[in-house]
Amino acid sequence: MKLSIIVTHYRTPELLKLCLQSLQEATLEIKAEILVLDSESEDETVEMVKNQFPNIAFFPFHKNTGYAKIVNVGLSKAQGDFLLVLNADIIVAKDSLSKMINYLEAHSEIGVLGPQLLNFNGSIQESCFRFHRPLTIFYRRTFLGKIPWGRRELDRFAMKDFDRTFVKEVDWILGAAMMIRRQALTEVGPMDERFFLYFEDTDWCRRFWQKKWQVIYLPEVKMHHYHGRASKKINSFADIFINKYLWIHLASALKYFWKYRKNK
């Protein structure tokens, strides 16, 4: 099997349908399998996949067990030489998967490859980053991100000095769309399930680098991403108390910095 595609889904069946339709088009000439990991599975999603995509492997989860866990279930069942981890809110172009495979086959040093993600108006999303510092979180979550010191740190993190039309080694790739080499996965291992949501992709890419596998951003490959941030930046004091995703993000950040506390 050349390619395994692990699609993670959470309660957006309309987007999942569009994603799977695009994947079927993109895999017509590739020996590939598609696995859908459905968190807090609903009857509407089950029926849609069963009736409209009968050749796709479907794995429902009754509870929300966390992003890393469902990705790891997919990884454990996948048979491909290359593994594409994909959110269900991604629409892939017809030639995108073959381009990624060809690039990985031509560059044996790469462990993780990420495409350019686009908004549906054609603008480029931020999908590759430098590693967080503790102050990165502080500036992102408070008004201090608007002061000169905060803005400089956030610009560093978001790679504002980088022209996103060029191929580049990056610290980490957004987990919404990343292709993994099987050999590298064998050395690095699956995602760390201590991260329920957020930072699992950052941590994973860091571990690939630790094992001397490159993480590369490839803008030649473009995918559209319906990106709605649940963990939005704080706009008011009340958000601290009412946004559960904010607290999940902060908890994952603490786990991440504790895990790498001895690293310089």
C-alpha atoms as a PDB file:
ATOM      1  CA  MET A   1       0.000   0.000   0.000  1.00  0.00           C
ATOM      2  CA  LYS A   2       1.462   3.334  -1.071  1.00  0.00           C
ATOM      3  CA  LEU A   3      -0.644   5.725   1.010  1.00  0.00           C
ATOM      4  CA  SER A   4      -2.895   5.634   4.049  1.00  0.00           C
ATOM      5  CA  ILE A   5      -5.102   8.670   4.695  1.00  0.00           C
ATOM      6  CA  ILE A   6      -6.254   9.134   8.277  1.00  0.00           C
ATOM      7  CA  VAL A   7      -9.172  11.569   8.403  1.00  0.00           C
ATOM      8  CA  THR A   8     -10.106  12.883  11.852  1.00  0.00           C
ATOM      9  CA  HIS A   9     -13.680  14.086  12.219  1.00  0.00           C
ATOM     10  CA  TYR A  10     -15.744  15.765  14.906  1.00  0.00           C
ATOM     11  CA  ARG A  11     -19.392  16.646  14.229  1.00  0.00           C
ATOM     12  CA  THR A  12     -19.114  18.360  10.850  1.00  0.00           C
ATOM     13  CA  PRO A  13     -20.608  15.791   8.437  1.00  0.00           C
ATOM     14  CA  GLU A  14     -21.082  18.338   5.644  1.00  0.00           C
ATOM     15  CA  LEU A  15     -17.377  19.143   5.636  1.00  0.00           C
ATOM     16  CA  LEU A  16     -16.455  15.473   5.958  1.00  0.00           C
ATOM     17  CA  LYS A  17     -18.475  14.665   2.842  1.00  0.00           C
ATOM     18  CA  LEU A  18     -16.638  17.327   0.834  1.00  0.00           C
ATOM     19  CA  CYS A  19     -13.304  16.127   2.176  1.00  0.00           C
ATOM     20  CA  LEU A  20     -13.970  12.502   1.230  1.00  0.00           C
ATOM     21  CA  GLN A  21     -15.187  13.473  -2.233  1.00  0.00           C
ATOM     22  CA  SER A  22     -11.947  15.359  -2.831  1.00  0.00           C
ATOM     23  CA  LEU A  23      -9.904  12.425  -1.548  1.00  0.00           C
ATOM     24  CA  GLN A  24     -11.633  10.010  -3.886  1.00  0.00           C
ATOM     25  CA  GLU A  25     -10.685  12.228  -6.816  1.00  0.00           C
ATOM     26  CA  ALA A  26      -7.112  12.610  -5.593  1.00  0.00           C
ATOM     27  CA  THR A  27      -6.543   8.864  -5.127  1.00  0.00           C
ATOM     28  CA  LEU A  28      -7.844   7.583  -8.462  1.00  0.00           C
ATOM     29  CA  GLU A  29      -4.319   6.714  -9.611  1.00  0.00           C
ATOM     30  CA  ILE A  30      -2.753   5.990  -6.219  1.00  0.00           C
ATOM     31  CA  LYS A  31      -2.913   2.731  -4.316  1.00  0.00           C
ATOM     32  CA  ALA A  32      -4.420   4.189  -1.170  1.00  0.00           C
ATOM     33  CA  GLU A  33      -6.726   3.486   1.730  1.00  0.00           C
ATOM     34  CA  ILE A  34      -8.880   6.041   3.539  1.00  0.00           C
ATOM     35  CA  LEU A  35      -9.674   5.663   7.229  1.00  0.00           C
ATOM     36  CA  VAL A  36     -12.179   7.941   8.949  1.00  0.00           C
ATOM     37  CA  LEU A  37     -11.846   8.296  12.728  1.00  0.00           C
ATOM     38  CA  ASP A  38     -15.102   9.805  13.972  1.00  0.00           C
ATOM     39  CA  SER A  39     -15.081  11.317  17.461  1.00  0.00           C
ATOM     40  CA  GLU A  40     -18.444  11.443  19.319  1.00  0.00           C
ATOM     41  CA  SER A  41     -19.979   9.731  16.326  1.00  0.00           C
ATOM     42  CA  GLU A  42     -23.501  10.714  15.304  1.00  0.00           C
ATOM     43  CA  ASP A  43     -26.048   8.691  13.317  1.00  0.00           C
ATOM     44  CA  GLU A  44     -26.048  11.254  10.491  1.00  0.00           C
ATOM     45  CA  THR A  45     -22.329  10.764   9.938  1.00  0.00           C
ATOM     46  CA  VAL A  46     -22.496   6.987  10.190  1.00  0.00           C
ATOM     47  CA  GLU A  47     -25.264   6.771   7.575  1.00  0.00           C
ATOM     48  CA  MET A  48     -23.592   9.240   5.242  1.00  0.00           C
ATOM     49  CA  VAL A  49     -20.269   7.381   5.176  1.00  0.00           C
ATOM     50  CA  LYS A  50     -21.936   3.963   4.974  1.00  0.00           C
ATOM     51  CA  ASN A  51     -24.214   4.910   2.082  1.00  0.00           C
ATOM     52  CA  GLN A  52     -22.039   7.262   0.055  1.00  0.00           C
ATOM     53  CA  PHE A  53     -18.508   5.991   0.761  1.00  0.00           C
ATOM     54  CA  PRO A  54     -18.849   2.232   1.302  1.00  0.00           C
ATOM     55  CA  ASN A  55     -15.198   1.524   0.429  1.00  0.00           C
ATOM     56  CA  ILE A  56     -13.868   3.793   3.169  1.00  0.00           C
ATOM     57  CA  ALA A  57     -12.939   2.281   6.535  1.00  0.00           C
ATOM     58  CA  PHE A  58     -14.989   3.958   9.273  1.00  0.00           C
ATOM     59  CA  PHE A  59     -14.149   3.887  12.978  1.00  0.00           C
ATOM     60  CA  PRO A  60     -16.745   5.535  15.256  1.00  0.00           C
ATOM     61  CA  PHE A  61     -15.930   6.630  18.803  1.00  0.00           C
ATOM     62  CA  HIS A  62     -18.820   7.180  21.193  1.00  0.00           C
ATOM     63  CA  LYS A  63     -16.821   9.649  23.285  1.00  0.00           C
ATOM     64  CA  ASN A  64     -14.421  12.455  22.506  1.00  0.00           C
ATOM     65  CA  THR A  65     -11.222  10.678  23.474  1.00  0.00           C
ATOM     66  CA  GLY A  66      -8.884  13.404  22.257  1.00  0.00           C
ATOM     67  CA  TYR A  67      -7.228  14.172  18.953  1.00  0.00           C
ATOM     68  CA  ALA A  68      -3.952  12.351  19.547  1.00  0.00           C
ATOM     69  CA  LYS A  69      -5.719   9.158  20.577  1.00  0.00           C
ATOM     70  CA  ILE A  70      -7.888   8.870  17.475  1.00  0.00           C
ATOM     71  CA  VAL A  71      -4.928   9.691  15.220  1.00  0.00           C
ATOM     72  CA  ASN A  72      -2.969   6.919  16.907  1.00  0.00           C
ATOM     73  CA  VAL A  73      -5.790   4.434  16.338  1.00  0.00           C
ATOM     74  CA  GLY A  74      -5.630   5.347  12.664  1.00  0.00           C
ATOM     75  CA  LEU A  75      -1.846   4.984  12.602  1.00  0.00           C
ATOM     76  CA  SER A  76      -2.103   1.532  14.194  1.00  0.00           C
ATOM     77  CA  LYS A  77      -4.494   0.334  11.472  1.00  0.00           C
ATOM     78  CA  ALA A  78      -2.854   2.021   8.485  1.00  0.00           C
ATOM     79  CA  GLN A  79      -0.823  -0.043   6.014  1.00  0.00           C
ATOM     80  CA  GLY A  80       0.706   2.642   3.791  1.00  0.00           C
ATOM     81  CA  ASP A  81       4.345   3.516   3.178  1.00  0.00           C
ATOM     82  CA  PHE A  82       3.236   7.122   3.641  1.00  0.00           C
ATOM     83  CA  LEU A  83       0.564   8.339   6.034  1.00  0.00           C
ATOM     84  CA  LEU A  84      -1.466  11.495   5.561  1.00  0.00           C
ATOM     85  CA  VAL A  85      -3.062  12.828   8.750  1.00  0.00           C
ATOM     86  CA  LEU A  86      -5.908  15.080   7.675  1.00  0.00           C
ATOM     87  CA  ASN A  87      -8.660  17.019   9.378  1.00  0.00           C
ATOM     88  CA  ALA A  88     -12.126  16.596   7.904  1.00  0.00           C
ATOM     89  CA  ASP A  89     -12.285  20.332   7.151  1.00  0.00           C
ATOM     90  CA  ILE A  90      -9.607  20.014   4.436  1.00  0.00           C
ATOM     91  CA  ILE A  91     -10.333  19.890   0.704  1.00  0.00           C
ATOM     92  CA  VAL A  92      -7.428  18.405  -1.262  1.00  0.00           C
ATOM     93  CA  ALA A  93      -6.582  19.256  -4.856  1.00  0.00           C
ATOM     94  CA  LYS A  94      -6.588  16.387  -7.352  1.00  0.00           C
ATOM     95  CA  ASP A  95      -2.784  16.314  -7.778  1.00  0.00           C
ATOM     96  CA  SER A  96      -1.821  17.213  -4.205  1.00  0.00           C
ATOM     97  CA  LEU A  97      -1.279  13.707  -2.832  1.00  0.00           C
ATOM     98  CA  SER A  98       0.822  12.477  -5.741  1.00  0.00           C
ATOM     99  CA  LYS A  99       2.989  15.604  -5.490  1.00  0.00           C
ATOM    100  CA  MET A 100       3.611  15.001  -1.776  1.00  0.00           C
ATOM    101  CA  ILE A 101       4.490  11.343  -2.307  1.00  0.00           C
ATOM    102  CA  ASN A 102       6.849  12.197  -5.159  1.00  0.00           C
ATOM    103  CA  TYR A 103       8.582  14.833  -3.060  1.00  0.00           C
ATOM    104  CA  LEU A 104       9.067  12.458  -0.134  1.00  0.00           C
ATOM    105  CA  GLU A 105      10.394   9.744  -2.427  1.00  0.00           C
ATOM    106  CA  ALA A 106      12.906  12.230  -3.845  1.00  0.00           C
ATOM    107  CA  HIS A 107      14.037  13.471  -0.407  1.00  0.00           C
ATOM    108  CA  SER A 108      14.751  10.583   1.933  1.00  0.00           C
ATOM    109  CA  GLU A 109      15.740  12.872   4.815  1.00  0.00           C
ATOM    110  CA  ILE A 110      12.201  14.231   5.291  1.00  0.00           C
ATOM    111  CA  GLY A 111       9.990  12.733   7.985  1.00  0.00           C
ATOM    112  CA  VAL A 112       7.079  15.187   7.924  1.00  0.00           C
ATOM    113  CA  LEU A 113       5.769  17.144   4.939  1.00  0.00           C
ATOM    114  CA  GLY A 114       3.112  19.838   5.122  1.00  0.00           C
ATOM    115  CA  PRO A 115       1.204  21.548   2.286  1.00  0.00           C
ATOM    116  CA  GLN A 116       0.270  25.181   1.918  1.00  0.00           C
ATOM    117  CA  LEU A 117      -3.172  25.706   3.444  1.00  0.00           C
ATOM    118  CA  LEU A 118      -5.513  28.215   1.843  1.00  0.00           C
ATOM    119  CA  ASN A 119      -8.667  29.990   2.893  1.00  0.00           C
ATOM    120  CA  PHE A 120     -11.519  29.658   0.440  1.00  0.00           C
ATOM    121  CA  ASN A 121     -10.870  33.191  -0.802  1.00  0.00           C
ATOM    122  CA  GLY A 122      -7.388  32.052  -1.858  1.00  0.00           C
ATOM    123  CA  SER A 123      -5.431  33.757   0.922  1.00  0.00           C
ATOM    124  CA  ILE A 124      -2.636  31.791   2.598  1.00  0.00           C
ATOM    125  CA  GLN A 125      -3.132  30.489   6.118  1.00  0.00           C
ATOM    126  CA  GLU A 126      -0.376  30.263   8.697  1.00  0.00           C
ATOM    127  CA  SER A 127       0.349  26.538   8.879  1.00  0.00           C
ATOM    128  CA  CYS A 128       4.051  26.357   9.775  1.00  0.00           C
ATOM    129  CA  PHE A 129       5.653  27.859  12.837  1.00  0.00           C
ATOM    130  CA  ARG A 130       8.684  28.209  15.066  1.00  0.00           C
ATOM    131  CA  PHE A 131       8.555  26.470  18.429  1.00  0.00           C
ATOM    132  CA  HIS A 132       6.677  28.150  21.254  1.00  0.00           C
ATOM    133  CA  ARG A 133       8.339  29.904  24.129  1.00  0.00           C
ATOM    134  CA  PRO A 134       6.416  30.381  27.395  1.00  0.00           C
ATOM    135  CA  LEU A 135       6.000  34.061  26.547  1.00  0.00           C
ATOM    136  CA  THR A 136       4.444  33.101  23.220  1.00  0.00           C
ATOM    137  CA  ILE A 137       1.377  31.782  25.034  1.00  0.00           C
ATOM    138  CA  PHE A 138       1.273  34.771  27.357  1.00  0.00           C
ATOM    139  CA  TYR A 139       1.367  37.279  24.504  1.00  0.00           C
ATOM    140  CA  ARG A 140      -1.143  35.343  22.395  1.00  0.00           C
ATOM    141  CA  ARG A 141      -3.647  35.219  25.236  1.00  0.00           C
ATOM    142  CA  THR A 142      -3.432  38.773  26.541  1.00  0.00           C
ATOM    143  CA  PHE A 143      -3.536  42.332  25.229  1.00  0.00           C
ATOM    144  CA  LEU A 144       0.234  42.459  25.737  1.00  0.00           C
ATOM    145  CA  GLY A 145       0.572  40.772  22.360  1.00  0.00           C
ATOM    146  CA  LYS A 146      -0.149  44.196  20.865  1.00  0.00           C
ATOM    147  CA  ILE A 147       2.802  45.925  22.484  1.00  0.00           C
ATOM    148  CA  PRO A 148       6.140  45.993  20.580  1.00  0.00           C
ATOM    149  CA  TRP A 149       7.779  43.201  22.631  1.00  0.00           C
ATOM    150  CA  GLY A 150       4.723  40.998  22.322  1.00  0.00           C
ATOM    151  CA  ARG A 151       4.320  41.655  18.621  1.00  0.00           C
ATOM    152  CA  ARG A 152       7.956  40.755  17.952  1.00  0.00           C
ATOM    153  CA  GLU A 153       7.548  37.435  19.759  1.00  0.00           C
ATOM    154  CA  LEU A 154       4.314  36.594  17.957  1.00  0.00           C
ATOM    155  CA  ASP A 155       5.871  37.517  14.624  1.00  0.00           C
ATOM    156  CA  ARG A 156       8.809  35.211  15.405  1.00  0.00           C
ATOM    157  CA  PHE A 157       6.456  32.364  16.297  1.00  0.00           C
ATOM    158  CA  ALA A 158       4.279  32.831  13.189  1.00  0.00           C
ATOM    159  CA  MET A 159       7.320  33.201  10.905  1.00  0.00           C
ATOM    160  CA  LYS A 160       6.217  36.607   9.625  1.00  0.00           C
ATOM    161  CA  ASP A 161       9.691  37.029   8.145  1.00  0.00           C
ATOM    162  CA  PHE A 162       9.158  34.027   5.860  1.00  0.00           C
ATOM    163  CA  ASP A 163       7.792  34.124   2.318  1.00  0.00           C
ATOM    164  CA  ARG A 164       5.280  31.281   2.331  1.00  0.00           C
ATOM    165  CA  THR A 165       5.623  30.688  -1.376  1.00  0.00           C
ATOM    166  CA  PHE A 166       9.007  28.986  -0.826  1.00  0.00           C
ATOM    167  CA  VAL A 167       9.908  25.494   0.396  1.00  0.00           C
ATOM    168  CA  LYS A 168      11.416  25.653   3.876  1.00  0.00           C
ATOM    169  CA  GLU A 169      12.564  23.601   6.851  1.00  0.00           C
ATOM    170  CA  VAL A 170      10.292  24.583   9.727  1.00  0.00           C
ATOM    171  CA  ASP A 171      10.036  23.733  13.404  1.00  0.00           C
ATOM    172  CA  TRP A 172       6.534  22.342  13.164  1.00  0.00           C
ATOM    173  CA  ILE A 173       3.606  21.881  10.804  1.00  0.00           C
ATOM    174  CA  LEU A 174      -0.056  22.301  11.696  1.00  0.00           C
ATOM    175  CA  GLY A 175      -1.588  18.889  12.329  1.00  0.00           C
ATOM    176  CA  ALA A 176      -4.574  19.642  10.082  1.00  0.00           C
ATOM    177  CA  ALA A 177      -2.603  18.241   7.120  1.00  0.00           C
ATOM    178  CA  MET A 178       0.727  16.447   7.390  1.00  0.00           C
ATOM    179  CA  MET A 179       2.210  13.515   5.492  1.00  0.00           C
ATOM    180  CA  ILE A 180       4.480  11.160   7.448  1.00  0.00           C
ATOM    181  CA  ARG A 181       7.077   8.719   6.186  1.00  0.00           C
ATOM    182  CA  ARG A 182       6.498   5.205   7.576  1.00  0.00           C
ATOM    183  CA  GLN A 183      10.194   4.664   8.327  1.00  0.00           C
ATOM    184  CA  ALA A 184      10.318   7.903  10.324  1.00  0.00           C
ATOM    185  CA  LEU A 185       7.127   7.032  12.227  1.00  0.00           C
ATOM    186  CA  THR A 186       8.675   3.707  13.228  1.00  0.00           C
ATOM    187  CA  GLU A 187      11.591   5.563  14.819  1.00  0.00           C
ATOM    188  CA  VAL A 188       9.644   8.434  16.372  1.00  0.00           C
ATOM    189  CA  GLY A 189       6.473   6.682  17.483  1.00  0.00           C
ATOM    190  CA  PRO A 190       2.846   7.883  17.533  1.00  0.00           C
ATOM    191  CA  MET A 191       1.444  11.098  18.956  1.00  0.00           C
ATOM    192  CA  ASP A 192       1.725  11.695  22.690  1.00  0.00           C
ATOM    193  CA  GLU A 193      -1.755  11.017  24.079  1.00  0.00           C
ATOM    194  CA  ARG A 194      -1.119  13.165  27.130  1.00  0.00           C
ATOM    195  CA  PHE A 195      -2.137  16.040  24.858  1.00  0.00           C
ATOM    196  CA  PHE A 196      -5.930  15.826  24.602  1.00  0.00           C
ATOM    197  CA  LEU A 197      -6.081  18.679  22.091  1.00  0.00           C
ATOM    198  CA  TYR A 198      -3.477  21.228  20.957  1.00  0.00           C
ATOM    199  CA  PHE A 199       0.328  20.875  21.040  1.00  0.00           C
ATOM    200  CA  GLU A 200       0.239  17.232  19.931  1.00  0.00           C
ATOM    201  CA  ASP A 201       1.400  18.309  16.461  1.00  0.00           C
ATOM    202  CA  THR A 202       4.068  20.622  17.908  1.00  0.00           C
ATOM    203  CA  ASP A 203       5.369  17.873  20.163  1.00  0.00           C
ATOM    204  CA  TRP A 204       5.317  15.291  17.353  1.00  0.00           C
ATOM    205  CA  CYS A 205       7.330  17.480  14.977  1.00  0.00           C
ATOM    206  CA  ARG A 206       9.813  18.220  17.737  1.00  0.00           C
ATOM    207  CA  ARG A 207      10.310  14.506  18.248  1.00  0.00           C
ATOM    208  CA  PHE A 208      10.879  13.999  14.508  1.00  0.00           C
ATOM    209  CA  TRP A 209      13.609  16.642  14.647  1.00  0.00           C
ATOM    210  CA  GLN A 210      15.123  14.934  17.693  1.00  0.00           C
ATOM    211  CA  LYS A 211      15.443  11.762  15.617  1.00  0.00           C
ATOM    212  CA  LYS A 212      17.100  13.768  12.796  1.00  0.00           C
ATOM    213  CA  TRP A 213      14.075  13.731  10.476  1.00  0.00           C
ATOM    214  CA  GLN A 214      13.323  16.981   8.681  1.00  0.00           C
ATOM    215  CA  VAL A 215       9.973  18.779   8.849  1.00  0.00           C
ATOM    216  CA  ILE A 216       9.299  20.577   5.563  1.00  0.00           C
ATOM    217  CA  TYR A 217       6.698  23.078   4.344  1.00  0.00           C
ATOM    218  CA  LEU A 218       5.885  22.509   0.649  1.00  0.00           C
ATOM    219  CA  PRO A 219       3.822  25.367  -0.869  1.00  0.00           C
ATOM    220  CA  GLU A 220       3.718  23.705  -4.290  1.00  0.00           C
ATOM    221  CA  VAL A 221       1.006  21.511  -2.755  1.00  0.00           C
ATOM    222  CA  LYS A 222      -2.128  23.466  -1.878  1.00  0.00           C
ATOM    223  CA  MET A 223      -5.151  22.415   0.150  1.00  0.00           C
ATOM    224  CA  HIS A 224      -8.166  24.438   1.213  1.00  0.00           C
ATOM    225  CA  HIS A 225      -8.870  24.545   4.929  1.00  0.00           C
ATOM    226  CA  TYR A 226     -12.128  25.598   6.537  1.00  0.00           C
ATOM    227  CA  HIS A 227     -10.419  26.888   9.638  1.00  0.00           C
ATOM    228  CA  GLY A 228     -12.603  27.922  12.570  1.00  0.00           C
ATOM    229  CA  ARG A 229     -10.606  28.538  15.729  1.00  0.00           C
ATOM    230  CA  ALA A 230     -12.431  27.239  18.786  1.00  0.00           C
ATOM    231  CA  SER A 231      -9.660  28.482  21.022  1.00  0.00           C
ATOM    232  CA  LYS A 232      -9.857  32.098  19.971  1.00  0.00           C
ATOM    233  CA  LYS A 233      -7.679  34.842  21.309  1.00  0.00           C
ATOM    234  CA  ILE A 234      -9.108  36.475  24.417  1.00  0.00           C
ATOM    235  CA  ASN A 235     -11.217  39.497  23.582  1.00  0.00           C
ATOM    236  CA  SER A 236     -12.655  40.050  27.023  1.00  0.00           C
ATOM    237  CA  PHE A 237     -12.061  39.056  30.612  1.00  0.00           C
ATOM    238  CA  ALA A 238     -15.135  36.807  30.468  1.00  0.00           C
ATOM    239  CA  ASP A 239     -13.518  34.597  27.823  1.00  0.00           C
ATOM    240  CA  ILE A 240     -11.132  33.316  30.473  1.00  0.00           C
ATOM    241  CA  PHE A 241     -14.056  31.648  32.196  1.00  0.00           C
ATOM    242  CA  ILE A 242     -16.399  30.635  29.363  1.00  0.00           C
ATOM    243  CA  ASN A 243     -14.085  29.330  26.637  1.00  0.00           C
ATOM    244  CA  LYS A 244     -13.356  25.696  27.474  1.00  0.00           C
ATOM    245  CA  TYR A 245     -11.020  25.357  24.508  1.00  0.00           C
ATOM    246  CA  LEU A 246      -8.869  28.113  25.938  1.00  0.00           C
ATOM    247  CA  TRP A 247      -8.391  26.088  29.099  1.00  0.00           C
ATOM    248  CA  ILE A 248      -7.612  22.946  27.107  1.00  0.00           C
ATOM    249  CA  HIS A 249      -5.027  24.932  25.141  1.00  0.00           C
ATOM    250  CA  LEU A 250      -3.419  26.293  28.299  1.00  0.00           C
ATOM    251  CA  ALA A 251      -3.358  22.840  29.908  1.00  0.00           C
ATOM    252  CA  SER A 252      -1.646  21.390  26.833  1.00  0.00           C
ATOM    253  CA  ALA A 253       0.849  24.261  26.851  1.00  0.00           C
ATOM    254  CA  LEU A 254       1.778  23.509  30.468  1.00  0.00           C
ATOM    255  CA  LYS A 255       2.263  19.823  29.642  1.00  0.00           C
ATOM    256  CA  TYR A 256       4.428  20.744  26.656  1.00  0.00           C
ATOM    257  CA  PHE A 257       6.704  23.131  28.533  1.00  0.00           C
ATOM    258  CA  TRP A 258       7.017  20.695  31.439  1.00  0.00           C
ATOM    259  CA  LYS A 259       7.945  17.880  29.053  1.00  0.00           C
ATOM    260  CA  TYR A 260      10.736  19.961  27.506  1.00  0.00           C
ATOM    261  CA  ARG A 261      11.719  21.904  30.623  1.00  0.00           C
ATOM    262  CA  LYS A 262      15.304  20.621  30.514  1.00  0.00           C
ATOM    263  CA  ASN A 263      15.798  21.548  26.863  1.00  0.00           C
ATOM    264  CA  LYS A 264      17.570  24.800  26.154  1.00  0.00           C
END
